[in-house]
All heavy atoms as atom14 arrays in JSON, in Angstrom:
{
  "sequence": "LEAVSARLRTDARIGILINNAGAAQSGGFLDQS",
  "atom14_mask": [
    [1, 1, 1, 1, 1, 1, 1, 1, 0, 0, 0, 0, 0, 0],
    [1, 1, 1, 1, 1, 1, 1, 1, 1, 0, 0, 0, 0, 0],
    [1, 1, 1, 1, 1, 0, 0, 0, 0, 0, 0, 0, 0, 0],
    [1, 1, 1, 1, 1, 1, 1, 0, 0, 0, 0, 0, 0, 0],
    [1, 1, 1, 1, 1, 1, 0, 0, 0, 0, 0, 0, 0, 0],
    [1, 1, 1, 1, 1, 0, 0, 0, 0, 0, 0, 0, 0, 0],
    [1, 1, 1, 1, 1, 1, 1, 1, 1, 1, 1, 0, 0, 0],
    [1, 1, 1, 1, 1, 1, 1, 1, 0, 0, 0, 0, 0, 0],
    [1, 1, 1, 1, 1, 1, 1, 1, 1, 1, 1, 0, 0, 0],
    [1, 1, 1, 1, 1, 1, 1, 0, 0, 0, 0, 0, 0, 0],
    [1, 1, 1, 1, 1, 1, 1, 1, 0, 0, 0, 0, 0, 0],
    [1, 1, 1, 1, 1, 0, 0, 0, 0, 0, 0, 0, 0, 0],
    [1, 1, 1, 1, 1, 1, 1, 1, 1, 1, 1, 0, 0, 0],
    [1, 1, 1, 1, 1, 1, 1, 1, 0, 0, 0, 0, 0, 0],
    [1, 1, 1, 1, 0, 0, 0, 0, 0, 0, 0, 0, 0, 0],
    [1, 1, 1, 1, 1, 1, 1, 1, 0, 0, 0, 0, 0, 0],
    [1, 1, 1, 1, 1, 1, 1, 1, 0, 0, 0, 0, 0, 0],
    [1, 1, 1, 1, 1, 1, 1, 1, 0, 0, 0, 0, 0, 0],
    [1, 1, 1, 1, 1, 1, 1, 1, 0, 0, 0, 0, 0, 0],
    [1, 1, 1, 1, 1, 1, 1, 1, 0, 0, 0, 0, 0, 0],
    [1, 1, 1, 1, 1, 0, 0, 0, 0, 0, 0, 0, 0, 0],
    [1, 1, 1, 1, 0, 0, 0, 0, 0, 0, 0, 0, 0, 0],
    [1, 1, 1, 1, 1, 0, 0, 0, 0, 0, 0, 0, 0, 0],
    [1, 1, 1, 1, 1, 0, 0, 0, 0, 0, 0, 0, 0, 0],
    [1, 1, 1, 1, 1, 1, 1, 1, 1, 0, 0, 0, 0, 0],
    [1, 1, 1, 1, 1, 1, 0, 0, 0, 0, 0, 0, 0, 0],
    [1, 1, 1, 1, 0, 0, 0, 0, 0, 0, 0, 0, 0, 0],
    [1, 1, 1, 1, 0, 0, 0, 0, 0, 0, 0, 0, 0, 0],
    [1, 1, 1, 1, 1, 1, 1, 1, 1, 1, 1, 0, 0, 0],
    [1, 1, 1, 1, 1, 1, 1, 1, 0, 0, 0, 0, 0, 0],
    [1, 1, 1, 1, 1, 1, 1, 1, 0, 0, 0, 0, 0, 0],
    [1, 1, 1, 1, 1, 1, 1, 1, 1, 0, 0, 0, 0, 0],
    [1, 1, 1, 1, 1, 1, 0, 0, 0, 0, 0, 0, 0, 0]
  ],
  "atom14_positions": [
    [[7.66, 3.8, 0.37], [7.08, 2.82, 1.24], [7.8, 2.69, 2.59], [7.17, 2.62, 3.62], [7.16, 1.39, 0.46], [6.66, 0.22, 1.25], [5.16, 0.43, 1.62], [6.78, -1.04, 0.43], [0.0, 0.0, 0.0], [0.0, 0.0, 0.0], [0.0, 0.0, 0.0], [0.0, 0.0, 0.0], [0.0, 0.0, 0.0], [0.0, 0.0, 0.0]],
    [[9.13, 2.82, 2.56], [9.76, 2.86, 3.78], [9.5, 4.16, 4.69], [9.45, 3.96, 5.81], [11.32, 2.71, 3.54], [12.29, 2.77, 4.81], [11.9, 1.85, 5.86], [11.25, 0.75, 5.65], [12.02, 2.24, 7.13], [0.0, 0.0, 0.0], [0.0, 0.0, 0.0], [0.0, 0.0, 0.0], [0.0, 0.0, 0.0], [0.0, 0.0, 0.0]],
    [[9.42, 5.22, 4.05], [8.94, 6.43, 4.78], [7.67, 6.22, 5.59], [7.46, 6.61, 6.79], [8.9, 7.61, 3.84], [0.0, 0.0, 0.0], [0.0, 0.0, 0.0], [0.0, 0.0, 0.0], [0.0, 0.0, 0.0], [0.0, 0.0, 0.0], [0.0, 0.0, 0.0], [0.0, 0.0, 0.0], [0.0, 0.0, 0.0], [0.0, 0.0, 0.0]],
    [[6.67, 5.63, 4.82], [5.31, 5.35, 5.55], [5.56, 4.39, 6.58], [5.07, 4.44, 7.64], [4.32, 4.99, 4.49], [2.87, 4.81, 5.15], [4.15, 6.01, 3.41], [0.0, 0.0, 0.0], [0.0, 0.0, 0.0], [0.0, 0.0, 0.0], [0.0, 0.0, 0.0], [0.0, 0.0, 0.0], [0.0, 0.0, 0.0], [0.0, 0.0, 0.0]],
    [[6.39, 3.4, 6.26], [6.54, 2.25, 7.26], [7.24, 2.85, 8.45], [6.83, 2.47, 9.66], [7.47, 1.15, 6.74], [6.81, 0.5, 5.52], [0.0, 0.0, 0.0], [0.0, 0.0, 0.0], [0.0, 0.0, 0.0], [0.0, 0.0, 0.0], [0.0, 0.0, 0.0], [0.0, 0.0, 0.0], [0.0, 0.0, 0.0], [0.0, 0.0, 0.0]],
    [[8.18, 3.66, 8.33], [8.76, 4.32, 9.48], [7.83, 5.13, 10.39], [7.93, 5.22, 11.52], [10.03, 5.23, 8.95], [0.0, 0.0, 0.0], [0.0, 0.0, 0.0], [0.0, 0.0, 0.0], [0.0, 0.0, 0.0], [0.0, 0.0, 0.0], [0.0, 0.0, 0.0], [0.0, 0.0, 0.0], [0.0, 0.0, 0.0], [0.0, 0.0, 0.0]],
    [[7.03, 5.84, 9.71], [5.96, 6.58, 10.41], [5.1, 5.71, 11.22], [4.79, 5.93, 12.47], [5.13, 7.39, 9.42], [4.01, 8.18, 9.96], [4.56, 9.31, 10.91], [3.6, 10.22, 11.5], [3.09, 11.34, 10.97], [3.52, 11.63, 9.74], [2.1, 12.02, 11.45], [0.0, 0.0, 0.0], [0.0, 0.0, 0.0], [0.0, 0.0, 0.0]],
    [[4.66, 4.48, 10.72], [3.92, 3.55, 11.48], [4.72, 2.97, 12.55], [4.15, 2.7, 13.68], [3.43, 2.4, 10.41], [2.3, 2.82, 9.53], [2.14, 1.8, 8.47], [1.02, 3.19, 10.25], [0.0, 0.0, 0.0], [0.0, 0.0, 0.0], [0.0, 0.0, 0.0], [0.0, 0.0, 0.0], [0.0, 0.0, 0.0], [0.0, 0.0, 0.0]],
    [[5.93, 2.75, 12.34], [6.76, 2.16, 13.49], [6.97, 3.07, 14.64], [7.06, 2.61, 15.91], [8.08, 1.66, 13.0], [8.15, 0.41, 12.12], [9.55, -0.11, 11.93], [10.34, 0.82, 11.11], [10.44, 0.84, 9.77], [9.85, -0.25, 9.16], [11.19, 1.63, 9.11], [0.0, 0.0, 0.0], [0.0, 0.0, 0.0], [0.0, 0.0, 0.0]],
    [[7.12, 4.39, 14.37], [7.41, 5.26, 15.32], [6.42, 6.23, 15.95], [6.65, 6.77, 17.09], [8.58, 6.27, 14.77], [8.03, 6.84, 13.64], [9.89, 5.37, 14.39], [0.0, 0.0, 0.0], [0.0, 0.0, 0.0], [0.0, 0.0, 0.0], [0.0, 0.0, 0.0], [0.0, 0.0, 0.0], [0.0, 0.0, 0.0], [0.0, 0.0, 0.0]],
    [[5.33, 6.49, 15.2], [4.28, 7.3, 15.71], [3.18, 6.48, 16.6], [2.38, 5.91, 16.11], [3.52, 7.97, 14.52], [2.65, 9.04, 14.92], [2.27, 9.18, 16.13], [2.26, 9.94, 14.11], [0.0, 0.0, 0.0], [0.0, 0.0, 0.0], [0.0, 0.0, 0.0], [0.0, 0.0, 0.0], [0.0, 0.0, 0.0], [0.0, 0.0, 0.0]],
    [[3.46, 6.77, 17.85], [2.68, 6.0, 18.81], [1.17, 6.37, 18.82], [0.31, 5.66, 19.28], [3.21, 6.03, 20.24], [0.0, 0.0, 0.0], [0.0, 0.0, 0.0], [0.0, 0.0, 0.0], [0.0, 0.0, 0.0], [0.0, 0.0, 0.0], [0.0, 0.0, 0.0], [0.0, 0.0, 0.0], [0.0, 0.0, 0.0], [0.0, 0.0, 0.0]],
    [[0.81, 7.5, 18.23], [-0.46, 7.94, 18.11], [-1.24, 7.08, 17.19], [-2.58, 6.98, 17.37], [-0.61, 9.38, 17.71], [0.09, 10.41, 18.59], [-0.06, 11.83, 17.93], [0.58, 11.74, 16.61], [0.12, 12.49, 15.53], [-1.01, 13.26, 15.73], [0.71, 12.4, 14.34], [0.0, 0.0, 0.0], [0.0, 0.0, 0.0], [0.0, 0.0, 0.0]],
    [[-0.65, 6.55, 16.15], [-1.36, 5.81, 15.09], [-1.7, 4.37, 15.66], [-0.88, 3.56, 15.93], [-0.53, 5.7, 13.87], [-0.21, 7.04, 13.29], [-1.23, 4.9, 12.8], [0.79, 7.01, 12.12], [0.0, 0.0, 0.0], [0.0, 0.0, 0.0], [0.0, 0.0, 0.0], [0.0, 0.0, 0.0], [0.0, 0.0, 0.0], [0.0, 0.0, 0.0]],
    [[-3.04, 4.17, 15.76], [-3.54, 2.82, 16.3], [-4.37, 2.06, 15.26], [-4.75, 1.0, 15.54], [0.0, 0.0, 0.0], [0.0, 0.0, 0.0], [0.0, 0.0, 0.0], [0.0, 0.0, 0.0], [0.0, 0.0, 0.0], [0.0, 0.0, 0.0], [0.0, 0.0, 0.0], [0.0, 0.0, 0.0], [0.0, 0.0, 0.0], [0.0, 0.0, 0.0]],
    [[-4.69, 2.63, 14.21], [-5.42, 1.97, 13.11], [-4.86, 2.32, 11.76], [-4.44, 3.37, 11.36], [-6.79, 2.49, 13.17], [-7.52, 2.28, 14.46], [-7.7, 1.9, 11.89], [-8.89, 2.98, 14.51], [0.0, 0.0, 0.0], [0.0, 0.0, 0.0], [0.0, 0.0, 0.0], [0.0, 0.0, 0.0], [0.0, 0.0, 0.0], [0.0, 0.0, 0.0]],
    [[-4.55, 1.12, 10.98], [-4.01, 1.22, 9.66], [-5.13, 0.75, 8.7], [-5.63, -0.32, 8.81], [-2.75, 0.42, 9.55], [-2.34, -0.04, 8.09], [-1.84, 1.31, 7.48], [-1.29, -1.01, 8.08], [0.0, 0.0, 0.0], [0.0, 0.0, 0.0], [0.0, 0.0, 0.0], [0.0, 0.0, 0.0], [0.0, 0.0, 0.0], [0.0, 0.0, 0.0]],
    [[-5.45, 1.66, 7.73], [-6.32, 1.13, 6.74], [-5.52, 1.0, 5.38], [-5.16, 2.06, 4.72], [-7.47, 2.25, 6.36], [-8.18, 2.56, 7.66], [-8.53, 1.88, 5.41], [-9.08, 1.56, 8.32], [0.0, 0.0, 0.0], [0.0, 0.0, 0.0], [0.0, 0.0, 0.0], [0.0, 0.0, 0.0], [0.0, 0.0, 0.0], [0.0, 0.0, 0.0]],
    [[-5.38, -0.28, 5.1], [-4.53, -0.66, 3.87], [-5.55, -0.61, 2.59], [-6.08, -1.58, 2.26], [-3.89, -1.96, 3.92], [-2.53, -1.97, 4.51], [-1.72, -1.01, 4.1], [-2.09, -2.98, 5.16], [0.0, 0.0, 0.0], [0.0, 0.0, 0.0], [0.0, 0.0, 0.0], [0.0, 0.0, 0.0], [0.0, 0.0, 0.0], [0.0, 0.0, 0.0]],
    [[-5.7, 0.56, 2.06], [-6.61, 0.78, 0.91], [-5.98, 1.02, -0.33], [-6.68, 0.6, -1.33], [-7.52, 1.98, 1.34], [-8.3, 2.41, 0.14], [-9.28, 1.76, -0.3], [-7.87, 3.59, -0.37], [0.0, 0.0, 0.0], [0.0, 0.0, 0.0], [0.0, 0.0, 0.0], [0.0, 0.0, 0.0], [0.0, 0.0, 0.0], [0.0, 0.0, 0.0]],
    [[-4.76, 1.5, -0.48], [-4.26, 1.79, -1.69], [-4.13, 0.56, -2.66], [-3.79, -0.47, -2.15], [-2.84, 2.38, -1.62], [0.0, 0.0, 0.0], [0.0, 0.0, 0.0], [0.0, 0.0, 0.0], [0.0, 0.0, 0.0], [0.0, 0.0, 0.0], [0.0, 0.0, 0.0], [0.0, 0.0, 0.0], [0.0, 0.0, 0.0], [0.0, 0.0, 0.0]],
    [[-4.64, 0.67, -3.95], [-4.46, -0.46, -4.72], [-4.84, -0.05, -6.16], [-5.25, 1.16, -6.47], [0.0, 0.0, 0.0], [0.0, 0.0, 0.0], [0.0, 0.0, 0.0], [0.0, 0.0, 0.0], [0.0, 0.0, 0.0], [0.0, 0.0, 0.0], [0.0, 0.0, 0.0], [0.0, 0.0, 0.0], [0.0, 0.0, 0.0], [0.0, 0.0, 0.0]],
    [[-4.53, -0.88, -7.15], [-4.78, -0.65, -8.56], [-5.36, -1.88, -9.26], [-5.14, -3.1, -8.58], [-3.51, -0.28, -9.3], [0.0, 0.0, 0.0], [0.0, 0.0, 0.0], [0.0, 0.0, 0.0], [0.0, 0.0, 0.0], [0.0, 0.0, 0.0], [0.0, 0.0, 0.0], [0.0, 0.0, 0.0], [0.0, 0.0, 0.0], [0.0, 0.0, 0.0]],
    [[-6.1, -1.77, -10.26], [-6.46, -2.84, -11.06], [-5.75, -2.83, -12.45], [-4.97, -2.01, -12.64], [-8.06, -2.8, -11.26], [0.0, 0.0, 0.0], [0.0, 0.0, 0.0], [0.0, 0.0, 0.0], [0.0, 0.0, 0.0], [0.0, 0.0, 0.0], [0.0, 0.0, 0.0], [0.0, 0.0, 0.0], [0.0, 0.0, 0.0], [0.0, 0.0, 0.0]],
    [[-6.05, -3.83, -13.21], [-5.39, -3.98, -14.5], [-6.3, -4.61, -15.52], [-7.0, -5.55, -15.11], [-4.15, -4.75, -14.38], [-3.06, -4.45, -15.35], [-1.7, -5.14, -14.89], [-1.79, -6.14, -14.18], [-0.65, -4.65, -15.42], [0.0, 0.0, 0.0], [0.0, 0.0, 0.0], [0.0, 0.0, 0.0], [0.0, 0.0, 0.0], [0.0, 0.0, 0.0]],
    [[-6.51, -3.93, -16.6], [-7.46, -4.55, -17.63], [-6.6, -5.43, -18.48], [-5.3, -5.32, -18.64], [-8.02, -3.36, -18.42], [-7.08, -2.64, -19.13], [0.0, 0.0, 0.0], [0.0, 0.0, 0.0], [0.0, 0.0, 0.0], [0.0, 0.0, 0.0], [0.0, 0.0, 0.0], [0.0, 0.0, 0.0], [0.0, 0.0, 0.0], [0.0, 0.0, 0.0]],
    [[-7.28, -6.2, -19.3], [-6.61, -7.04, -20.29], [-6.28, -8.4, -19.77], [-6.14, -8.6, -18.5], [0.0, 0.0, 0.0], [0.0, 0.0, 0.0], [0.0, 0.0, 0.0], [0.0, 0.0, 0.0], [0.0, 0.0, 0.0], [0.0, 0.0, 0.0], [0.0, 0.0, 0.0], [0.0, 0.0, 0.0], [0.0, 0.0, 0.0], [0.0, 0.0, 0.0]],
    [[-5.91, -9.42, -20.6], [-5.58, -10.73, -20.19], [-4.07, -10.86, -19.75], [-3.38, -9.92, -19.9], [0.0, 0.0, 0.0], [0.0, 0.0, 0.0], [0.0, 0.0, 0.0], [0.0, 0.0, 0.0], [0.0, 0.0, 0.0], [0.0, 0.0, 0.0], [0.0, 0.0, 0.0], [0.0, 0.0, 0.0], [0.0, 0.0, 0.0], [0.0, 0.0, 0.0]],
    [[-3.76, -11.9, -19.12], [-2.34, -12.14, -18.61], [-1.34, -12.04, -19.83], [-0.31, -11.52, -19.55], [-2.23, -13.45, -17.94], [-1.0, -13.68, -17.3], [-0.78, -13.03, -16.09], [-0.14, -14.73, -17.66], [0.44, -13.24, -15.33], [1.04, -14.94, -16.96], [1.38, -14.2, -15.72], [0.0, 0.0, 0.0], [0.0, 0.0, 0.0], [0.0, 0.0, 0.0]],
    [[-1.67, -12.47, -20.99], [-0.87, -12.52, -22.01], [-0.52, -11.05, -22.61], [0.37, -10.94, -23.3], [-1.34, -13.33, -23.18], [-1.54, -14.83, -22.85], [-2.08, -15.63, -24.03], [-0.26, -15.49, -22.41], [0.0, 0.0, 0.0], [0.0, 0.0, 0.0], [0.0, 0.0, 0.0], [0.0, 0.0, 0.0], [0.0, 0.0, 0.0], [0.0, 0.0, 0.0]],
    [[-1.54, -10.15, -22.23], [-1.36, -8.79, -22.82], [-0.69, -7.82, -21.82], [-0.4, -6.73, -22.12], [-2.79, -8.19, -22.92], [-3.76, -8.99, -23.83], [-3.18, -9.59, -24.82], [-4.88, -9.11, -23.53], [0.0, 0.0, 0.0], [0.0, 0.0, 0.0], [0.0, 0.0, 0.0], [0.0, 0.0, 0.0], [0.0, 0.0, 0.0], [0.0, 0.0, 0.0]],
    [[-0.16, -8.38, -20.67], [0.36, -7.47, -19.6], [1.85, -7.59, -19.64], [2.47, -8.75, -19.8], [-0.21, -7.81, -18.21], [-1.7, -7.58, -18.18], [-2.36, -8.09, -16.95], [-1.65, -8.72, -16.2], [-3.71, -7.94, -16.82], [0.0, 0.0, 0.0], [0.0, 0.0, 0.0], [0.0, 0.0, 0.0], [0.0, 0.0, 0.0], [0.0, 0.0, 0.0]],
    [[2.56, -6.42, -19.44], [4.05, -6.51, -19.41], [4.47, -6.89, -17.96], [3.77, -6.76, -17.17], [4.44, -5.11, -19.76], [4.24, -4.19, -18.67], [0.0, 0.0, 0.0], [0.0, 0.0, 0.0], [0.0, 0.0, 0.0], [0.0, 0.0, 0.0], [0.0, 0.0, 0.0], [0.0, 0.0, 0.0], [0.0, 0.0, 0.0], [0.0, 0.0, 0.0]]
  ]
}
């Protein structure tokens, strides 16, 4: 995460960030570790 953050801080060419990465989780709250 820090490596990607560093790229965003220092690469002046990058002007758009698409925060798309994500995950879901099945099962109820009581079933999750």
